Amino acid sequence: MLDEGYPLTTESNALRDIVIPPSLLNKILAATGVSGLSAATPAPFSSPIPWRKSGLRYNNNEIYFDIIEELEATVGRNGNVVASNVWGRVVCKSNLSGTPDLSFSLSNSKEMHDYSFHPCVRLQKFLQTKQLSFVPPDGNFTLLTYQLPIPSPNPAAPPPLPVHLKSDVSLHERGGAFEITVTARSSKMLENVRVEFKLGNSATGAECTHTGSGGQSTGGGFGALSVNGGNVRWGYDPQTKVLKWEIPSLTNMAQTLKGAFTSSDEAPRPSRSFVVTFEIPQHSLSMAKIDQLRISGESYKPYKGVRSSVQGRVEYRW
């Protein structure tokens, strides 16, 4: 809702009080030409809290928190971290009756910065006590976002990243050869690991051999390889000229992909970096945890569910 061109009301709950959403009954009445049967229009802003409806009732009162952190990093040819950052967010799903007032604190929040909060959070109280106090919206919403740097205490030490990649690339006339080895450095298993290597616009094909904890195997593309009961797949996309290597789960046992590619140019020009993406369920780089959830204004005790996950994207230059 705009006032002289400026946003005035943006909360969906308040907008539904002002502009009643269409219903099936209204559509039927309009199609049959019946008028004068519409119900009385409710008073605008029936709830004193713009982001929450009044009179909510649930048989099971529950609230879920997802701590999602996204890592982006770049590693130079010498193995040092050139740049790294973690962006995190706390996503909630609230199914609570009435108008509950919630509060909790995040452990290890001193390492976080660049906060951004949902309007329901009492900012002044957070600045004073580091506690998140709020009346939650109904349904799904993002409670806060934050940033967390990952400093490297020793530039000569290996980068403190959950995954490590070692590569050896050699170029020759109309093609090249490569060997890629990836290992997990996290105590948690990495899932949905993907390594991408752009072979250049002149690339015409690639052949690879995979070696891992399940032995050695070769194949003709995606779906051809199997290691530890899960499909380890590689394939070359002729449209994007990208070699893709997918590992469903990665531990500290090294996985290696060795191969060669061909090019229509005498001097091939592949990308100078490998891009690794991965996921780590039930893990948090910031080690953030939600402490005891306190509720006031209502007599019930809600069920609280909390889970963490990490999504990563690391570029390794060679």
Protein backbone atom coordinates (compact mmCIF):
# COMPACT_ATOMS: atom_id res chain seq x y z
CA MET A 1 0.00 0.00 0.00
CA LEU A 2 1.42 3.40 -1.04
CA ASP A 3 0.86 6.88 0.35
CA GLU A 4 1.85 9.59 -2.18
CA GLY A 5 4.12 7.07 -3.87
CA TYR A 6 5.87 5.92 -0.67
CA PRO A 7 5.42 2.43 0.83
CA LEU A 8 3.16 2.75 3.88
CA THR A 9 1.83 -0.73 4.63
CA THR A 10 3.80 -3.76 3.48
CA GLU A 11 2.77 -6.49 5.93
CA SER A 12 0.49 -9.04 4.25
CA ASN A 13 -1.68 -9.50 7.36
CA ALA A 14 -2.48 -5.78 7.53
CA LEU A 15 -3.13 -5.62 3.78
CA ARG A 16 -5.64 -8.48 4.04
CA ASP A 17 -7.60 -6.42 6.57
CA ILE A 18 -7.80 -3.49 4.16
CA VAL A 19 -8.24 -5.35 0.87
CA ILE A 20 -10.24 -8.54 1.37
CA PRO A 21 -8.79 -11.40 -0.73
CA PRO A 22 -11.11 -12.92 -3.35
CA SER A 23 -13.00 -16.05 -2.32
CA LEU A 24 -14.79 -18.82 -4.17
CA LEU A 25 -18.15 -17.58 -2.83
CA ASN A 26 -17.57 -14.08 -4.20
CA LYS A 27 -16.65 -15.52 -7.60
CA ILE A 28 -19.85 -17.62 -7.70
CA LEU A 29 -22.00 -14.65 -6.69
CA ALA A 30 -20.36 -12.45 -9.31
CA ALA A 31 -20.87 -15.09 -12.01
CA THR A 32 -24.58 -15.50 -11.17
CA GLY A 33 -25.16 -11.76 -10.91
CA VAL A 34 -26.25 -11.91 -7.26
CA SER A 35 -25.45 -8.78 -5.27
CA GLY A 36 -26.12 -7.41 -1.83
CA LEU A 37 -25.16 -10.64 -0.03
CA SER A 38 -21.62 -9.71 0.90
CA ALA A 39 -20.67 -9.91 4.53
CA ALA A 40 -19.87 -6.83 6.54
CA THR A 41 -16.38 -5.51 5.95
CA PRO A 42 -14.17 -6.02 8.99
CA ALA A 43 -12.64 -3.00 10.66
CA PRO A 44 -9.28 -2.05 9.14
CA PHE A 45 -6.23 -3.17 11.15
CA SER A 46 -8.20 -5.58 13.35
CA SER A 47 -4.89 -6.71 14.88
CA PRO A 48 -2.70 -4.23 16.81
CA ILE A 49 0.37 -6.09 15.49
CA PRO A 50 0.74 -5.56 11.71
CA TRP A 51 2.62 -8.80 11.02
CA ARG A 52 0.34 -11.10 13.04
CA LYS A 53 -3.34 -11.98 12.77
CA SER A 54 -5.59 -11.85 15.80
CA GLY A 55 -7.45 -14.90 17.11
CA LEU A 56 -5.05 -17.56 15.82
CA ARG A 57 -5.66 -21.07 17.18
CA TYR A 58 -3.69 -24.29 16.69
CA ASN A 59 -4.22 -27.76 18.13
CA ASN A 60 -0.44 -28.28 18.26
CA ASN A 61 1.60 -25.23 19.18
CA GLU A 62 5.05 -25.49 17.64
CA ILE A 63 7.83 -23.35 16.23
CA TYR A 64 10.77 -24.43 14.09
CA PHE A 65 14.11 -22.69 13.57
CA ASP A 66 16.49 -23.32 10.66
CA ILE A 67 20.01 -21.91 11.03
CA ILE A 68 21.28 -21.78 7.44
CA GLU A 69 24.83 -20.61 6.70
CA GLU A 70 26.30 -20.07 3.24
CA LEU A 71 30.08 -20.14 2.79
CA GLU A 72 31.81 -18.51 -0.16
CA ALA A 73 35.59 -18.60 -0.49
CA THR A 74 38.40 -18.28 -3.01
CA VAL A 75 41.68 -20.17 -2.63
CA GLY A 76 44.78 -19.06 -4.53
CA ARG A 77 47.28 -21.20 -6.40
CA ASN A 78 49.54 -21.33 -3.34
CA GLY A 79 46.74 -22.76 -1.18
CA ASN A 80 46.08 -19.59 0.80
CA VAL A 81 42.57 -18.25 1.26
CA VAL A 82 42.19 -15.10 -0.84
CA ALA A 83 38.69 -14.25 0.37
CA SER A 84 36.09 -15.97 2.55
CA ASN A 85 32.78 -15.02 4.10
CA VAL A 86 29.81 -16.70 5.69
CA TRP A 87 26.29 -15.33 5.37
CA GLY A 88 23.80 -16.79 7.80
CA ARG A 89 20.10 -16.54 8.39
CA VAL A 90 17.59 -17.89 10.89
CA VAL A 91 14.39 -18.98 9.17
CA CYS A 92 11.33 -19.74 11.29
CA LYS A 93 8.03 -21.52 10.88
CA SER A 94 5.58 -20.49 13.60
CA ASN A 95 2.32 -22.28 14.36
CA LEU A 96 1.42 -20.70 17.69
CA SER A 97 -1.96 -19.79 19.13
CA GLY A 98 -2.87 -16.36 20.45
CA THR A 99 -0.23 -13.66 20.75
CA PRO A 100 2.88 -15.25 22.30
CA ASP A 101 5.88 -13.16 23.27
CA LEU A 102 9.08 -15.14 22.69
CA SER A 103 12.67 -14.56 23.72
CA PHE A 104 15.94 -16.47 23.41
CA SER A 105 19.63 -15.82 22.88
CA LEU A 106 22.07 -17.10 20.27
CA SER A 107 25.30 -18.65 21.52
CA ASN A 108 28.54 -17.41 19.91
CA SER A 109 26.71 -14.31 18.67
CA LYS A 110 29.77 -12.16 19.50
CA GLU A 111 31.43 -13.38 16.29
CA MET A 112 28.48 -12.24 14.15
CA HIS A 113 28.05 -8.81 12.60
CA ASP A 114 26.03 -6.94 9.96
CA TYR A 115 22.73 -8.04 11.47
CA SER A 116 19.40 -7.54 9.74
CA PHE A 117 16.20 -8.26 11.67
CA HIS A 118 12.55 -8.87 10.93
CA PRO A 119 10.45 -5.89 12.14
CA CYS A 120 9.05 -8.07 14.94
CA VAL A 121 12.41 -8.10 16.79
CA ARG A 122 12.86 -5.53 19.57
CA LEU A 123 16.14 -4.01 18.43
CA GLN A 124 16.90 -2.02 21.57
CA LYS A 125 16.66 -5.09 23.79
CA PHE A 126 18.99 -7.02 21.51
CA LEU A 127 21.59 -4.24 21.60
CA GLN A 128 21.47 -4.20 25.40
CA THR A 129 21.19 -7.90 26.29
CA LYS A 130 21.91 -9.79 23.03
CA GLN A 131 18.52 -11.46 23.45
CA LEU A 132 16.03 -11.81 20.63
CA SER A 133 12.62 -10.73 21.92
CA PHE A 134 9.67 -10.74 19.53
CA VAL A 135 6.04 -11.58 18.80
CA PRO A 136 6.40 -13.89 15.78
CA PRO A 137 4.43 -13.62 12.54
CA ASP A 138 2.27 -16.59 11.64
CA GLY A 139 3.81 -19.12 9.26
CA ASN A 140 7.20 -18.84 7.54
CA PHE A 141 9.49 -15.83 7.94
CA THR A 142 13.18 -14.89 8.21
CA LEU A 143 13.93 -13.78 11.75
CA LEU A 144 17.43 -12.40 11.14
CA THR A 145 20.42 -12.49 8.82
CA TYR A 146 24.07 -12.01 9.73
CA GLN A 147 27.61 -12.24 8.42
CA LEU A 148 30.53 -14.18 9.85
CA PRO A 149 34.12 -13.82 8.57
CA ILE A 150 36.50 -16.79 8.56
CA PRO A 151 39.96 -15.39 9.28
CA SER A 152 43.07 -17.43 8.58
CA PRO A 153 45.32 -17.22 11.68
CA ASN A 154 48.39 -18.33 9.75
CA PRO A 155 48.73 -17.46 6.03
CA ALA A 156 51.09 -20.41 5.55
CA ALA A 157 48.63 -22.90 7.07
CA PRO A 158 45.99 -24.76 5.04
CA PRO A 159 42.75 -22.83 4.65
CA PRO A 160 40.19 -23.53 7.40
CA LEU A 161 37.59 -24.75 4.92
CA PRO A 162 35.41 -27.89 5.12
CA VAL A 163 36.71 -29.19 1.78
CA HIS A 164 40.18 -29.40 0.23
CA LEU A 165 40.95 -29.71 -3.48
CA LYS A 166 44.30 -30.52 -5.05
CA SER A 167 44.73 -30.29 -8.81
CA ASP A 168 47.33 -30.91 -11.49
CA VAL A 169 46.54 -29.51 -14.94
CA SER A 170 48.75 -29.67 -18.01
CA LEU A 171 47.95 -28.19 -21.42
CA HIS A 172 49.21 -29.31 -24.79
CA GLU A 173 48.30 -28.83 -28.43
CA ARG A 174 44.54 -29.32 -28.98
CA GLY A 175 43.84 -30.56 -25.48
CA GLY A 176 45.04 -31.11 -21.97
CA ALA A 177 45.14 -33.47 -18.99
CA PHE A 178 44.07 -33.03 -15.39
CA GLU A 179 43.95 -34.80 -12.05
CA ILE A 180 41.61 -33.59 -9.29
CA THR A 181 41.60 -34.86 -5.69
CA VAL A 182 39.02 -33.74 -3.13
CA THR A 183 38.92 -34.49 0.59
CA ALA A 184 36.61 -33.44 3.41
CA ARG A 185 38.24 -31.53 6.25
CA SER A 186 35.11 -31.31 8.34
CA SER A 187 34.21 -33.68 11.16
CA LYS A 188 30.82 -33.93 9.46
CA MET A 189 30.23 -35.73 6.19
CA LEU A 190 29.82 -33.47 3.17
CA GLU A 191 26.85 -34.19 0.94
CA ASN A 192 25.92 -33.35 -2.65
CA VAL A 193 29.50 -32.39 -3.52
CA ARG A 194 29.95 -31.09 -7.06
CA VAL A 195 33.18 -30.06 -8.80
CA GLU A 196 32.90 -28.04 -12.02
CA PHE A 197 35.70 -27.30 -14.47
CA LYS A 198 35.01 -25.18 -17.56
CA LEU A 199 37.15 -26.59 -20.36
CA GLY A 200 36.92 -23.55 -22.63
CA ASN A 201 34.74 -22.61 -25.59
CA SER A 202 36.81 -24.71 -27.98
CA ALA A 203 36.50 -27.95 -25.97
CA THR A 204 35.10 -30.92 -27.88
CA GLY A 205 35.03 -33.75 -25.31
CA ALA A 206 36.51 -35.37 -22.20
CA GLU A 207 37.32 -38.84 -20.85
CA CYS A 208 37.83 -39.53 -17.14
CA THR A 209 38.73 -42.24 -14.64
CA HIS A 210 37.59 -42.11 -11.03
CA THR A 211 39.57 -43.52 -8.11
CA GLY A 212 38.25 -43.53 -4.55
CA SER A 213 37.66 -45.64 -1.47
CA GLY A 214 35.58 -48.01 -3.62
CA GLY A 215 38.37 -48.74 -6.05
CA GLN A 216 38.95 -47.59 -9.61
CA SER A 217 36.30 -47.32 -12.29
CA THR A 218 35.75 -45.70 -15.64
CA GLY A 219 32.54 -44.85 -17.41
CA GLY A 220 30.79 -42.93 -20.09
CA GLY A 221 29.23 -40.13 -18.08
CA PHE A 222 26.60 -39.54 -15.44
CA GLY A 223 25.25 -42.62 -13.71
CA ALA A 224 28.15 -44.83 -14.77
CA LEU A 225 30.14 -44.88 -11.53
CA SER A 226 29.32 -46.35 -8.14
CA VAL A 227 31.38 -45.97 -4.96
CA ASN A 228 30.37 -47.04 -1.43
CA GLY A 229 26.84 -47.80 -2.55
CA GLY A 230 26.27 -44.28 -3.85
CA ASN A 231 26.59 -43.00 -7.39
CA VAL A 232 29.74 -40.97 -8.00
CA ARG A 233 29.10 -39.43 -11.40
CA TRP A 234 31.02 -37.39 -13.91
CA GLY A 235 29.97 -35.97 -17.24
CA TYR A 236 30.84 -33.43 -19.90
CA ASP A 237 28.18 -30.95 -21.05
CA PRO A 238 28.80 -30.08 -24.73
CA GLN A 239 26.51 -27.06 -24.50
CA THR A 240 28.22 -25.29 -21.59
CA LYS A 241 31.67 -26.90 -22.13
CA VAL A 242 31.75 -27.78 -18.42
CA LEU A 243 33.05 -30.98 -16.85
CA LYS A 244 30.94 -31.91 -13.81
CA TRP A 245 31.90 -34.37 -11.09
CA GLU A 246 29.26 -35.27 -8.50
CA ILE A 247 29.94 -37.07 -5.20
CA PRO A 248 26.86 -37.81 -3.04
CA SER A 249 28.89 -38.04 0.19
CA LEU A 250 32.49 -37.11 0.95
CA THR A 251 34.59 -37.99 4.00
CA ASN A 252 38.30 -37.70 4.80
CA MET A 253 38.91 -40.53 2.31
CA ALA A 254 40.26 -38.91 -0.86
CA GLN A 255 38.35 -39.10 -4.14
CA THR A 256 40.28 -38.56 -7.38
CA LEU A 257 39.17 -37.85 -10.93
CA LYS A 258 41.82 -38.18 -13.63
CA GLY A 259 41.21 -37.46 -17.28
CA ALA A 260 41.93 -35.58 -20.48
CA PHE A 261 40.02 -33.28 -22.78
CA THR A 262 40.27 -32.34 -26.44
CA SER A 263 39.99 -28.94 -28.08
CA SER A 264 39.46 -27.62 -31.59
CA ASP A 265 42.05 -24.89 -30.95
CA GLU A 266 45.75 -25.53 -30.99
CA ALA A 267 46.12 -23.56 -27.74
CA PRO A 268 43.21 -24.52 -25.44
CA ARG A 269 42.12 -21.99 -22.81
CA PRO A 270 40.23 -23.71 -19.98
CA SER A 271 39.09 -21.89 -16.86
CA ARG A 272 41.87 -21.17 -14.38
CA SER A 273 39.83 -22.44 -11.43
CA PHE A 274 37.70 -25.31 -10.15
CA VAL A 275 34.40 -24.56 -8.39
CA VAL A 276 33.34 -26.87 -5.54
CA THR A 277 29.84 -26.75 -4.07
CA PHE A 278 28.64 -28.85 -1.13
CA GLU A 279 26.20 -29.16 1.76
CA ILE A 280 26.76 -30.10 5.41
CA PRO A 281 23.53 -31.03 7.23
CA GLN A 282 23.27 -30.66 11.01
CA HIS A 283 26.31 -28.38 11.15
CA SER A 284 27.04 -24.71 11.76
CA LEU A 285 30.31 -22.92 10.96
CA SER A 286 29.57 -20.28 13.59
CA MET A 287 28.57 -22.97 16.13
CA ALA A 288 25.47 -20.87 16.77
CA LYS A 289 22.81 -22.47 18.94
CA ILE A 290 19.44 -21.32 20.18
CA ASP A 291 19.38 -21.29 23.96
CA GLN A 292 16.29 -21.87 26.08
CA LEU A 293 13.14 -20.50 24.45
CA ARG A 294 11.01 -18.48 26.85
CA ILE A 295 7.37 -17.58 26.23
CA SER A 296 5.08 -15.09 27.95
CA GLY A 297 1.52 -13.95 27.30
CA GLU A 298 0.25 -17.51 26.78
CA SER A 299 -0.13 -20.46 29.15
CA TYR A 300 0.99 -23.27 26.83
CA LYS A 301 4.52 -24.56 26.29
CA PRO A 302 5.27 -24.89 22.55
CA TYR A 303 7.36 -27.55 20.88
CA LYS A 304 10.66 -26.14 19.60
CA GLY A 305 12.58 -27.68 16.71
CA VAL A 306 16.06 -26.49 15.71
CA ARG A 307 18.31 -27.66 12.90
CA SER A 308 21.43 -26.28 11.23
CA SER A 309 22.90 -26.65 7.76
CA VAL A 310 25.80 -25.28 5.73
CA GLN A 311 25.90 -24.62 2.00
CA GLY A 312 29.31 -23.93 0.50
CA ARG A 313 30.87 -22.67 -2.71
CA VAL A 314 34.68 -22.61 -2.92
CA GLU A 315 36.73 -21.58 -5.95
CA TYR A 316 40.17 -23.21 -6.19
CA ARG A 317 42.60 -21.55 -8.60
CA TRP A 318 45.36 -23.50 -10.30
